[in-house]
């Protein structure tokens, strides 16, 4: 079992996404999306390699993987003792922006 840790950047991205969803789709839907993202990322404690490998980040030394939750891509790094949630972004966005990880 590993620990799941969120970067400040990922938390800020999640917060912005949820605020946007509340505005556009309502509080109920925003709550559903938030709960599902938290559920899926918490499951990484037991199954850290659950997500697919992130091909765009294969050049990095660390192992990056991702989960798709609704329309959001959750990028995370697998380390020996923890999983680090690095980014959350809408899957419709340009994936080349991942280079900043």
N, C-alpha and C. Protein backbone atom coordinates (compact mmCIF):
# COMPACT_ATOMS: atom_id res chain seq x y z
N UNK A 1 0.85 -1.18 0.00
CA UNK A 1 0.00 0.00 0.00
C UNK A 1 0.90 1.24 0.00
N UNK A 2 0.54 2.21 -0.84
CA UNK A 2 1.30 3.45 -0.93
C UNK A 2 0.42 4.62 -0.50
N UNK A 3 1.06 5.75 -0.26
CA UNK A 3 0.34 6.95 0.12
C UNK A 3 0.05 7.78 -1.14
N UNK A 4 -1.13 8.38 -1.22
CA UNK A 4 -1.48 9.26 -2.33
C UNK A 4 -1.29 10.71 -1.86
N UNK A 5 -0.48 11.45 -2.60
CA UNK A 5 -0.16 12.84 -2.27
C UNK A 5 -0.54 13.72 -3.47
N UNK A 6 -1.11 14.87 -3.18
CA UNK A 6 -1.50 15.82 -4.23
C UNK A 6 -0.52 16.98 -4.24
N UNK A 7 -0.12 17.41 -5.43
CA UNK A 7 0.67 18.64 -5.53
C UNK A 7 -0.28 19.82 -5.37
N UNK A 8 0.28 20.96 -5.00
CA UNK A 8 -0.53 22.18 -4.88
C UNK A 8 -1.16 22.52 -6.23
N UNK A 9 -0.41 22.32 -7.28
CA UNK A 9 -0.91 22.62 -8.62
C UNK A 9 -2.12 21.76 -8.97
N UNK A 10 -2.05 20.47 -8.68
CA UNK A 10 -3.17 19.57 -8.97
C UNK A 10 -4.40 19.94 -8.14
N UNK A 11 -4.19 20.27 -6.88
CA UNK A 11 -5.32 20.69 -6.03
C UNK A 11 -5.97 21.96 -6.56
N UNK A 12 -5.14 22.91 -7.00
CA UNK A 12 -5.68 24.16 -7.56
C UNK A 12 -6.45 23.89 -8.85
N UNK A 13 -5.94 22.99 -9.68
CA UNK A 13 -6.63 22.64 -10.92
C UNK A 13 -7.96 21.96 -10.63
N UNK A 14 -7.97 21.08 -9.64
CA UNK A 14 -9.21 20.42 -9.24
C UNK A 14 -10.22 21.44 -8.74
N UNK A 15 -9.77 22.34 -7.90
CA UNK A 15 -10.67 23.37 -7.37
C UNK A 15 -11.27 24.23 -8.48
N UNK A 16 -10.43 24.66 -9.42
CA UNK A 16 -10.93 25.47 -10.55
C UNK A 16 -11.95 24.69 -11.38
N UNK A 17 -11.67 23.42 -11.61
CA UNK A 17 -12.59 22.60 -12.39
C UNK A 17 -13.94 22.46 -11.69
N UNK A 18 -13.93 22.23 -10.41
CA UNK A 18 -15.17 22.06 -9.66
C UNK A 18 -15.95 23.36 -9.60
N UNK A 19 -15.28 24.48 -9.43
CA UNK A 19 -15.96 25.78 -9.44
C UNK A 19 -16.62 26.01 -10.80
N UNK A 20 -15.91 25.69 -11.86
CA UNK A 20 -16.46 25.85 -13.20
C UNK A 20 -17.69 24.96 -13.40
N UNK A 21 -17.60 23.72 -12.98
CA UNK A 21 -18.73 22.79 -13.12
C UNK A 21 -19.93 23.28 -12.33
N UNK A 22 -19.69 23.78 -11.12
CA UNK A 22 -20.80 24.32 -10.31
C UNK A 22 -21.52 25.43 -11.07
N UNK A 23 -20.74 26.31 -11.70
CA UNK A 23 -21.31 27.44 -12.43
C UNK A 23 -22.08 26.98 -13.67
N UNK A 24 -21.51 26.03 -14.39
CA UNK A 24 -22.09 25.61 -15.67
C UNK A 24 -23.15 24.51 -15.54
N UNK A 25 -22.95 23.59 -14.61
CA UNK A 25 -23.83 22.42 -14.54
C UNK A 25 -24.56 22.26 -13.22
N UNK A 26 -24.16 23.02 -12.21
CA UNK A 26 -24.84 22.95 -10.92
C UNK A 26 -24.04 22.23 -9.85
N UNK A 27 -24.46 22.47 -8.62
CA UNK A 27 -23.77 21.93 -7.45
C UNK A 27 -23.82 20.40 -7.41
N UNK A 28 -24.96 19.83 -7.75
CA UNK A 28 -25.10 18.36 -7.67
C UNK A 28 -24.11 17.65 -8.58
N UNK A 29 -24.02 18.12 -9.82
CA UNK A 29 -23.10 17.48 -10.76
C UNK A 29 -21.65 17.70 -10.33
N UNK A 30 -21.34 18.90 -9.85
CA UNK A 30 -19.98 19.19 -9.39
C UNK A 30 -19.60 18.27 -8.23
N UNK A 31 -20.54 18.02 -7.34
CA UNK A 31 -20.30 17.12 -6.21
C UNK A 31 -20.03 15.70 -6.69
N UNK A 32 -20.80 15.25 -7.66
CA UNK A 32 -20.61 13.90 -8.23
C UNK A 32 -19.22 13.77 -8.84
N UNK A 33 -18.82 14.76 -9.63
CA UNK A 33 -17.50 14.72 -10.28
C UNK A 33 -16.39 14.73 -9.23
N UNK A 34 -16.49 15.61 -8.25
CA UNK A 34 -15.48 15.67 -7.19
C UNK A 34 -15.37 14.35 -6.44
N UNK A 35 -16.49 13.79 -6.05
CA UNK A 35 -16.47 12.52 -5.30
C UNK A 35 -15.85 11.40 -6.13
N UNK A 36 -16.16 11.35 -7.42
CA UNK A 36 -15.62 10.30 -8.29
C UNK A 36 -14.11 10.46 -8.46
N UNK A 37 -13.65 11.69 -8.64
CA UNK A 37 -12.20 11.93 -8.76
C UNK A 37 -11.49 11.50 -7.47
N UNK A 38 -12.04 11.89 -6.34
CA UNK A 38 -11.42 11.52 -5.06
C UNK A 38 -11.46 10.00 -4.83
N UNK A 39 -12.54 9.37 -5.24
CA UNK A 39 -12.65 7.90 -5.11
C UNK A 39 -11.60 7.19 -5.96
N UNK A 40 -11.49 7.61 -7.21
CA UNK A 40 -10.54 6.96 -8.13
C UNK A 40 -9.09 7.18 -7.70
N UNK A 41 -8.78 8.40 -7.24
CA UNK A 41 -7.40 8.66 -6.82
C UNK A 41 -7.08 7.96 -5.50
N UNK A 42 -8.04 7.84 -4.61
CA UNK A 42 -7.82 7.12 -3.35
C UNK A 42 -7.54 5.64 -3.61
N UNK A 43 -8.17 5.08 -4.63
CA UNK A 43 -7.97 3.66 -4.97
C UNK A 43 -6.53 3.38 -5.40
N UNK A 44 -5.79 4.43 -5.77
CA UNK A 44 -4.39 4.24 -6.17
C UNK A 44 -3.53 3.79 -4.99
N UNK A 45 -4.01 3.98 -3.77
CA UNK A 45 -3.27 3.49 -2.60
C UNK A 45 -3.03 1.99 -2.71
N UNK A 46 -4.03 1.27 -3.15
CA UNK A 46 -3.94 -0.18 -3.25
C UNK A 46 -3.45 -0.64 -4.64
N UNK A 47 -3.76 0.14 -5.66
CA UNK A 47 -3.43 -0.24 -7.04
C UNK A 47 -2.76 0.93 -7.76
N UNK A 48 -1.51 1.24 -7.42
CA UNK A 48 -0.86 2.43 -7.98
C UNK A 48 -0.64 2.38 -9.49
N UNK A 49 -0.60 1.23 -10.07
CA UNK A 49 -0.38 1.12 -11.52
C UNK A 49 -1.69 0.86 -12.27
N UNK A 50 -2.77 1.21 -11.65
CA UNK A 50 -4.10 1.00 -12.21
C UNK A 50 -4.29 1.75 -13.53
N UNK A 51 -3.81 2.98 -13.60
CA UNK A 51 -3.98 3.79 -14.80
C UNK A 51 -3.04 3.38 -15.92
N UNK A 52 -3.31 3.90 -17.10
CA UNK A 52 -2.46 3.62 -18.25
C UNK A 52 -1.21 4.49 -18.19
N UNK A 53 -0.14 4.02 -18.83
CA UNK A 53 1.08 4.82 -18.91
C UNK A 53 0.81 6.06 -19.76
N UNK A 54 1.36 7.19 -19.32
CA UNK A 54 1.22 8.44 -20.08
C UNK A 54 2.35 8.51 -21.09
N UNK A 55 2.02 8.22 -22.34
CA UNK A 55 3.00 8.15 -23.42
C UNK A 55 3.72 9.49 -23.60
N UNK A 56 3.01 10.59 -23.45
CA UNK A 56 3.62 11.91 -23.65
C UNK A 56 4.67 12.25 -22.60
N UNK A 57 4.72 11.47 -21.52
CA UNK A 57 5.70 11.73 -20.46
C UNK A 57 6.71 10.59 -20.30
N UNK A 58 6.80 9.73 -21.30
CA UNK A 58 7.74 8.61 -21.22
C UNK A 58 9.19 9.06 -21.15
N UNK A 59 9.48 10.26 -21.61
CA UNK A 59 10.85 10.77 -21.58
C UNK A 59 11.31 11.14 -20.16
N UNK A 60 10.38 11.21 -19.24
CA UNK A 60 10.71 11.54 -17.85
C UNK A 60 11.31 10.31 -17.15
N UNK A 61 12.12 10.56 -16.13
CA UNK A 61 12.71 9.46 -15.37
C UNK A 61 11.66 8.72 -14.56
N UNK A 62 10.70 9.47 -14.02
CA UNK A 62 9.65 8.86 -13.20
C UNK A 62 8.60 8.20 -14.10
N UNK A 63 7.85 7.31 -13.50
CA UNK A 63 6.77 6.61 -14.21
C UNK A 63 5.48 7.41 -14.04
N UNK A 64 4.98 7.97 -15.15
CA UNK A 64 3.73 8.72 -15.13
C UNK A 64 2.61 7.89 -15.73
N UNK A 65 1.47 7.95 -15.06
CA UNK A 65 0.27 7.24 -15.51
C UNK A 65 -0.90 8.20 -15.45
N UNK A 66 -2.04 7.74 -15.94
CA UNK A 66 -3.22 8.60 -15.87
C UNK A 66 -4.50 7.79 -15.70
N UNK A 67 -5.48 8.48 -15.15
CA UNK A 67 -6.85 7.96 -15.04
C UNK A 67 -7.76 8.93 -15.77
N UNK A 68 -8.80 8.43 -16.38
CA UNK A 68 -9.84 9.28 -16.95
C UNK A 68 -11.05 9.18 -16.03
N UNK A 69 -11.48 10.32 -15.54
CA UNK A 69 -12.65 10.39 -14.67
C UNK A 69 -13.59 11.42 -15.28
N UNK A 70 -14.72 10.95 -15.78
CA UNK A 70 -15.63 11.79 -16.57
C UNK A 70 -14.80 12.36 -17.71
N UNK A 71 -14.75 13.66 -17.86
CA UNK A 71 -13.99 14.28 -18.95
C UNK A 71 -12.62 14.77 -18.49
N UNK A 72 -12.17 14.32 -17.34
CA UNK A 72 -10.92 14.82 -16.79
C UNK A 72 -9.84 13.75 -16.81
N UNK A 73 -8.65 14.20 -17.12
CA UNK A 73 -7.48 13.33 -17.11
C UNK A 73 -6.69 13.66 -15.85
N UNK A 74 -6.45 12.65 -15.04
CA UNK A 74 -5.70 12.80 -13.79
C UNK A 74 -4.33 12.18 -14.02
N UNK A 75 -3.30 13.02 -14.05
CA UNK A 75 -1.93 12.57 -14.28
C UNK A 75 -1.26 12.35 -12.93
N UNK A 76 -0.63 11.20 -12.78
CA UNK A 76 0.07 10.93 -11.52
C UNK A 76 1.39 10.22 -11.74
N UNK A 77 2.27 10.39 -10.78
CA UNK A 77 3.60 9.81 -10.83
C UNK A 77 3.67 8.69 -9.80
N UNK A 78 4.19 7.55 -10.21
CA UNK A 78 4.32 6.40 -9.31
C UNK A 78 5.75 6.36 -8.78
N UNK A 79 5.87 6.45 -7.47
CA UNK A 79 7.16 6.32 -6.79
C UNK A 79 7.11 5.07 -5.92
N UNK A 80 8.21 4.73 -5.31
CA UNK A 80 8.27 3.49 -4.54
C UNK A 80 7.28 3.46 -3.38
N UNK A 81 7.16 4.57 -2.65
CA UNK A 81 6.33 4.59 -1.45
C UNK A 81 5.09 5.48 -1.55
N UNK A 82 4.90 6.12 -2.70
CA UNK A 82 3.75 7.02 -2.84
C UNK A 82 3.39 7.25 -4.30
N UNK A 83 2.21 7.76 -4.47
CA UNK A 83 1.70 8.20 -5.77
C UNK A 83 1.48 9.70 -5.64
N UNK A 84 1.99 10.46 -6.59
CA UNK A 84 1.85 11.91 -6.56
C UNK A 84 0.92 12.35 -7.68
N UNK A 85 -0.22 12.92 -7.30
CA UNK A 85 -1.15 13.46 -8.28
C UNK A 85 -0.55 14.78 -8.76
N UNK A 86 -0.20 14.84 -10.05
CA UNK A 86 0.53 15.99 -10.58
C UNK A 86 -0.35 17.01 -11.29
N UNK A 87 -1.33 16.53 -12.04
CA UNK A 87 -2.17 17.42 -12.83
C UNK A 87 -3.56 16.84 -12.99
N UNK A 88 -4.51 17.76 -13.15
CA UNK A 88 -5.87 17.38 -13.54
C UNK A 88 -6.30 18.39 -14.59
N UNK A 89 -6.72 17.89 -15.73
CA UNK A 89 -7.19 18.82 -16.75
C UNK A 89 -8.27 18.16 -17.60
N UNK A 90 -9.05 19.00 -18.24
CA UNK A 90 -10.13 18.50 -19.09
C UNK A 90 -9.50 17.81 -20.29
N UNK A 91 -9.99 16.66 -20.63
CA UNK A 91 -9.41 15.85 -21.70
C UNK A 91 -9.47 16.53 -23.06
N UNK A 92 -10.30 17.54 -23.22
CA UNK A 92 -10.39 18.25 -24.50
C UNK A 92 -9.24 19.24 -24.68
N UNK A 93 -8.50 19.52 -23.61
CA UNK A 93 -7.37 20.46 -23.71
C UNK A 93 -6.19 19.82 -24.43
N UNK A 94 -5.31 20.66 -24.90
CA UNK A 94 -4.14 20.23 -25.64
C UNK A 94 -3.18 19.44 -24.73
N UNK A 95 -2.96 18.16 -25.01
CA UNK A 95 -2.09 17.34 -24.15
C UNK A 95 -0.63 17.77 -24.20
N UNK A 96 -0.23 18.56 -25.18
CA UNK A 96 1.17 19.01 -25.25
C UNK A 96 1.51 19.93 -24.09
N UNK A 97 0.50 20.42 -23.39
CA UNK A 97 0.75 21.27 -22.22
C UNK A 97 1.29 20.46 -21.05
N UNK A 98 1.35 19.15 -21.19
CA UNK A 98 1.90 18.30 -20.14
C UNK A 98 3.40 18.49 -19.97
N UNK A 99 4.04 19.08 -20.92
CA UNK A 99 5.50 19.23 -20.85
C UNK A 99 5.96 19.98 -19.63
N UNK A 100 5.07 20.75 -19.00
CA UNK A 100 5.44 21.50 -17.82
C UNK A 100 5.50 20.66 -16.55
N UNK A 101 5.23 19.38 -16.66
CA UNK A 101 5.25 18.52 -15.46
C UNK A 101 6.68 18.26 -15.06
